[in-house]
Amino acid sequence: MKKLVPDPPLSLPGQFRTPEHDIDTQRIRLALASNNAEASILSSLKDTAHTFIGRDSLFNVRAGISAEEALIHVSLLLDCAVQVSDEITERASGVERGLIWSMIHSVEMARAVVDSLLDANRPAPPR
């Protein structure tokens, strides 16, 4: 028997991306690229210590990363988590969708705190 109606097109990766994610990611990347020499309260924090991620892991946190740069990377990681979660939510249903939404909300709040710390401790641009 020949099928009369074709299958619907497959979803492309990133098809459900929102412009806000792209803007946030760009803002974070610009912050990483700009190394302000002016002092902020973040410069009074100690640099990172060498730390392993998980038990028997191949990965670790390098020692000597400034607090500001570490927080910028945390913000980028949280932004990535929101984007991945948004993609997963599109395909979930029922209780799963509610659990994922709850996780997204928690990650967004954590990222807001990190971004707020970074923004509050940057010197004001000259006028």
C-alpha atoms as a PDB file:
ATOM      1  CA  MET A   1       0.000   0.000   0.000  1.00  0.00           C
ATOM      2  CA  LYS A   2       1.347   3.395  -0.986  1.00  0.00           C
ATOM      3  CA  LYS A   3       1.202   6.207   1.529  1.00  0.00           C
ATOM      4  CA  LEU A   4      -0.793   9.192   0.239  1.00  0.00           C
ATOM      5  CA  VAL A   5       0.250  11.701   2.892  1.00  0.00           C
ATOM      6  CA  PRO A   6       3.969  12.341   3.501  1.00  0.00           C
ATOM      7  CA  ASP A   7       5.439  12.286   6.993  1.00  0.00           C
ATOM      8  CA  PRO A   8       5.673  15.686   8.668  1.00  0.00           C
ATOM      9  CA  PRO A   9       9.111  17.312   8.389  1.00  0.00           C
ATOM     10  CA  LEU A  10      11.573  16.507  11.152  1.00  0.00           C
ATOM     11  CA  SER A  11      12.372  19.250  13.620  1.00  0.00           C
ATOM     12  CA  LEU A  12      15.760  20.785  13.067  1.00  0.00           C
ATOM     13  CA  PRO A  13      18.104  21.278  16.023  1.00  0.00           C
ATOM     14  CA  GLY A  14      17.727  24.791  17.386  1.00  0.00           C
ATOM     15  CA  GLN A  15      14.426  25.318  15.568  1.00  0.00           C
ATOM     16  CA  PHE A  16      12.713  26.358  18.805  1.00  0.00           C
ATOM     17  CA  ARG A  17      15.483  28.736  19.880  1.00  0.00           C
ATOM     18  CA  THR A  18      14.365  32.068  21.168  1.00  0.00           C
ATOM     19  CA  PRO A  19      16.089  35.363  20.333  1.00  0.00           C
ATOM     20  CA  GLU A  20      16.502  36.065  24.065  1.00  0.00           C
ATOM     21  CA  HIS A  21      18.874  33.090  24.350  1.00  0.00           C
ATOM     22  CA  ASP A  22      21.021  34.389  21.521  1.00  0.00           C
ATOM     23  CA  ILE A  23      21.129  37.894  23.021  1.00  0.00           C
ATOM     24  CA  ASP A  24      22.042  36.527  26.468  1.00  0.00           C
ATOM     25  CA  THR A  25      24.758  34.306  25.038  1.00  0.00           C
ATOM     26  CA  GLN A  26      26.223  37.193  23.056  1.00  0.00           C
ATOM     27  CA  ARG A  27      26.230  39.421  26.152  1.00  0.00           C
ATOM     28  CA  ILE A  28      28.080  36.752  28.136  1.00  0.00           C
ATOM     29  CA  ARG A  29      30.637  36.248  25.377  1.00  0.00           C
ATOM     30  CA  LEU A  30      31.265  39.999  25.198  1.00  0.00           C
ATOM     31  CA  ALA A  31      31.823  40.053  28.959  1.00  0.00           C
ATOM     32  CA  LEU A  32      34.358  37.238  28.597  1.00  0.00           C
ATOM     33  CA  ALA A  33      36.144  39.115  25.835  1.00  0.00           C
ATOM     34  CA  SER A  34      36.413  42.390  27.747  1.00  0.00           C
ATOM     35  CA  ASN A  35      39.025  42.253  30.455  1.00  0.00           C
ATOM     36  CA  ASN A  36      38.546  45.492  32.358  1.00  0.00           C
ATOM     37  CA  ALA A  37      41.689  46.510  34.159  1.00  0.00           C
ATOM     38  CA  GLU A  38      39.652  48.680  36.536  1.00  0.00           C
ATOM     39  CA  ALA A  39      39.252  47.193  39.981  1.00  0.00           C
ATOM     40  CA  SER A  40      35.946  45.850  41.194  1.00  0.00           C
ATOM     41  CA  ILE A  41      34.899  44.199  44.415  1.00  0.00           C
ATOM     42  CA  LEU A  42      35.201  40.877  42.591  1.00  0.00           C
ATOM     43  CA  SER A  43      38.954  41.451  42.378  1.00  0.00           C
ATOM     44  CA  SER A  44      39.092  41.260  46.177  1.00  0.00           C
ATOM     45  CA  LEU A  45      37.924  37.628  45.997  1.00  0.00           C
ATOM     46  CA  LYS A  46      40.553  34.942  45.755  1.00  0.00           C
ATOM     47  CA  ASP A  47      41.150  33.091  42.509  1.00  0.00           C
ATOM     48  CA  THR A  48      39.823  29.584  42.025  1.00  0.00           C
ATOM     49  CA  ALA A  49      41.514  26.633  43.656  1.00  0.00           C
ATOM     50  CA  HIS A  50      42.235  23.445  41.745  1.00  0.00           C
ATOM     51  CA  THR A  51      39.102  21.314  42.139  1.00  0.00           C
ATOM     52  CA  PHE A  52      38.085  18.014  40.557  1.00  0.00           C
ATOM     53  CA  ILE A  53      34.596  17.733  39.096  1.00  0.00           C
ATOM     54  CA  GLY A  54      33.005  14.619  40.541  1.00  0.00           C
ATOM     55  CA  ARG A  55      34.741  11.510  41.718  1.00  0.00           C
ATOM     56  CA  ASP A  56      37.454   9.969  39.515  1.00  0.00           C
ATOM     57  CA  SER A  57      36.764  12.615  36.886  1.00  0.00           C
ATOM     58  CA  LEU A  58      39.007  13.546  33.991  1.00  0.00           C
ATOM     59  CA  PHE A  59      37.863  17.145  34.322  1.00  0.00           C
ATOM     60  CA  ASN A  60      38.665  19.808  36.885  1.00  0.00           C
ATOM     61  CA  VAL A  61      38.525  23.513  37.669  1.00  0.00           C
ATOM     62  CA  ARG A  62      41.891  25.132  37.030  1.00  0.00           C
ATOM     63  CA  ALA A  63      43.561  27.062  39.803  1.00  0.00           C
ATOM     64  CA  GLY A  64      44.139  30.785  39.371  1.00  0.00           C
ATOM     65  CA  ILE A  65      40.966  31.845  37.527  1.00  0.00           C
ATOM     66  CA  SER A  66      39.647  35.205  38.736  1.00  0.00           C
ATOM     67  CA  ALA A  67      36.300  35.301  40.518  1.00  0.00           C
ATOM     68  CA  GLU A  68      34.822  37.509  37.797  1.00  0.00           C
ATOM     69  CA  GLU A  69      35.886  35.196  34.984  1.00  0.00           C
ATOM     70  CA  ALA A  70      34.634  32.162  36.929  1.00  0.00           C
ATOM     71  CA  LEU A  71      31.238  33.811  37.456  1.00  0.00           C
ATOM     72  CA  ILE A  72      31.033  34.713  33.771  1.00  0.00           C
ATOM     73  CA  HIS A  73      31.641  31.070  32.892  1.00  0.00           C
ATOM     74  CA  VAL A  74      29.005  29.989  35.433  1.00  0.00           C
ATOM     75  CA  SER A  75      26.554  32.358  33.769  1.00  0.00           C
ATOM     76  CA  LEU A  76      27.371  30.878  30.363  1.00  0.00           C
ATOM     77  CA  LEU A  77      26.924  27.319  31.695  1.00  0.00           C
ATOM     78  CA  LEU A  78      23.554  28.247  33.217  1.00  0.00           C
ATOM     79  CA  ASP A  79      22.491  29.858  29.933  1.00  0.00           C
ATOM     80  CA  CYS A  80      23.390  26.626  28.112  1.00  0.00           C
ATOM     81  CA  ALA A  81      21.373  24.624  30.653  1.00  0.00           C
ATOM     82  CA  VAL A  82      18.306  26.793  29.993  1.00  0.00           C
ATOM     83  CA  GLN A  83      18.674  26.382  26.229  1.00  0.00           C
ATOM     84  CA  VAL A  84      19.011  22.590  26.483  1.00  0.00           C
ATOM     85  CA  SER A  85      16.066  22.421  28.865  1.00  0.00           C
ATOM     86  CA  ASP A  86      13.920  24.492  26.503  1.00  0.00           C
ATOM     87  CA  GLU A  87      14.663  22.013  23.704  1.00  0.00           C
ATOM     88  CA  ILE A  88      13.797  19.051  25.943  1.00  0.00           C
ATOM     89  CA  THR A  89      10.567  20.699  27.127  1.00  0.00           C
ATOM     90  CA  GLU A  90       9.298  20.883  23.540  1.00  0.00           C
ATOM     91  CA  ARG A  91       9.391  17.087  23.361  1.00  0.00           C
ATOM     92  CA  ALA A  92       8.191  16.269  26.879  1.00  0.00           C
ATOM     93  CA  SER A  93       4.664  15.784  28.112  1.00  0.00           C
ATOM     94  CA  GLY A  94       2.716  15.657  31.352  1.00  0.00           C
ATOM     95  CA  VAL A  95       4.689  15.465  34.587  1.00  0.00           C
ATOM     96  CA  GLU A  96       8.017  15.531  32.718  1.00  0.00           C
ATOM     97  CA  ARG A  97       7.223  18.924  31.239  1.00  0.00           C
ATOM     98  CA  GLY A  98       6.379  20.311  34.695  1.00  0.00           C
ATOM     99  CA  LEU A  99       9.607  18.956  36.184  1.00  0.00           C
ATOM    100  CA  ILE A 100      11.691  20.378  33.355  1.00  0.00           C
ATOM    101  CA  TRP A 101       9.943  23.741  33.657  1.00  0.00           C
ATOM    102  CA  SER A 102      10.716  23.766  37.376  1.00  0.00           C
ATOM    103  CA  MET A 103      14.364  23.068  36.639  1.00  0.00           C
ATOM    104  CA  ILE A 104      14.478  25.831  34.006  1.00  0.00           C
ATOM    105  CA  HIS A 105      12.993  28.271  36.505  1.00  0.00           C
ATOM    106  CA  SER A 106      15.619  27.355  39.128  1.00  0.00           C
ATOM    107  CA  VAL A 107      18.479  27.673  36.628  1.00  0.00           C
ATOM    108  CA  GLU A 108      17.197  31.047  35.413  1.00  0.00           C
ATOM    109  CA  MET A 109      17.016  32.327  38.990  1.00  0.00           C
ATOM    110  CA  ALA A 110      20.569  31.116  39.702  1.00  0.00           C
ATOM    111  CA  ARG A 111      21.793  32.805  36.543  1.00  0.00           C
ATOM    112  CA  ALA A 112      20.005  36.038  37.487  1.00  0.00           C
ATOM    113  CA  VAL A 113      21.869  36.078  40.809  1.00  0.00           C
ATOM    114  CA  VAL A 114      25.237  35.495  39.106  1.00  0.00           C
ATOM    115  CA  ASP A 115      24.545  38.146  36.444  1.00  0.00           C
ATOM    116  CA  SER A 116      23.372  40.591  39.100  1.00  0.00           C
ATOM    117  CA  LEU A 117      26.619  40.132  41.031  1.00  0.00           C
ATOM    118  CA  LEU A 118      28.654  40.673  37.875  1.00  0.00           C
ATOM    119  CA  ASP A 119      26.669  43.725  36.741  1.00  0.00           C
ATOM    120  CA  ALA A 120      26.708  45.375  40.168  1.00  0.00           C
ATOM    121  CA  ASN A 121      30.475  45.009  40.508  1.00  0.00           C
ATOM    122  CA  ARG A 122      31.508  46.331  37.104  1.00  0.00           C
ATOM    123  CA  PRO A 123      32.676  49.911  36.975  1.00  0.00           C
ATOM    124  CA  ALA A 124      30.239  52.285  35.304  1.00  0.00           C
ATOM    125  CA  PRO A 125      31.201  53.138  31.717  1.00  0.00           C
ATOM    126  CA  PRO A 126      32.584  56.651  31.252  1.00  0.00           C
ATOM    127  CA  ARG A 127      30.062  59.207  30.042  1.00  0.00           C
END
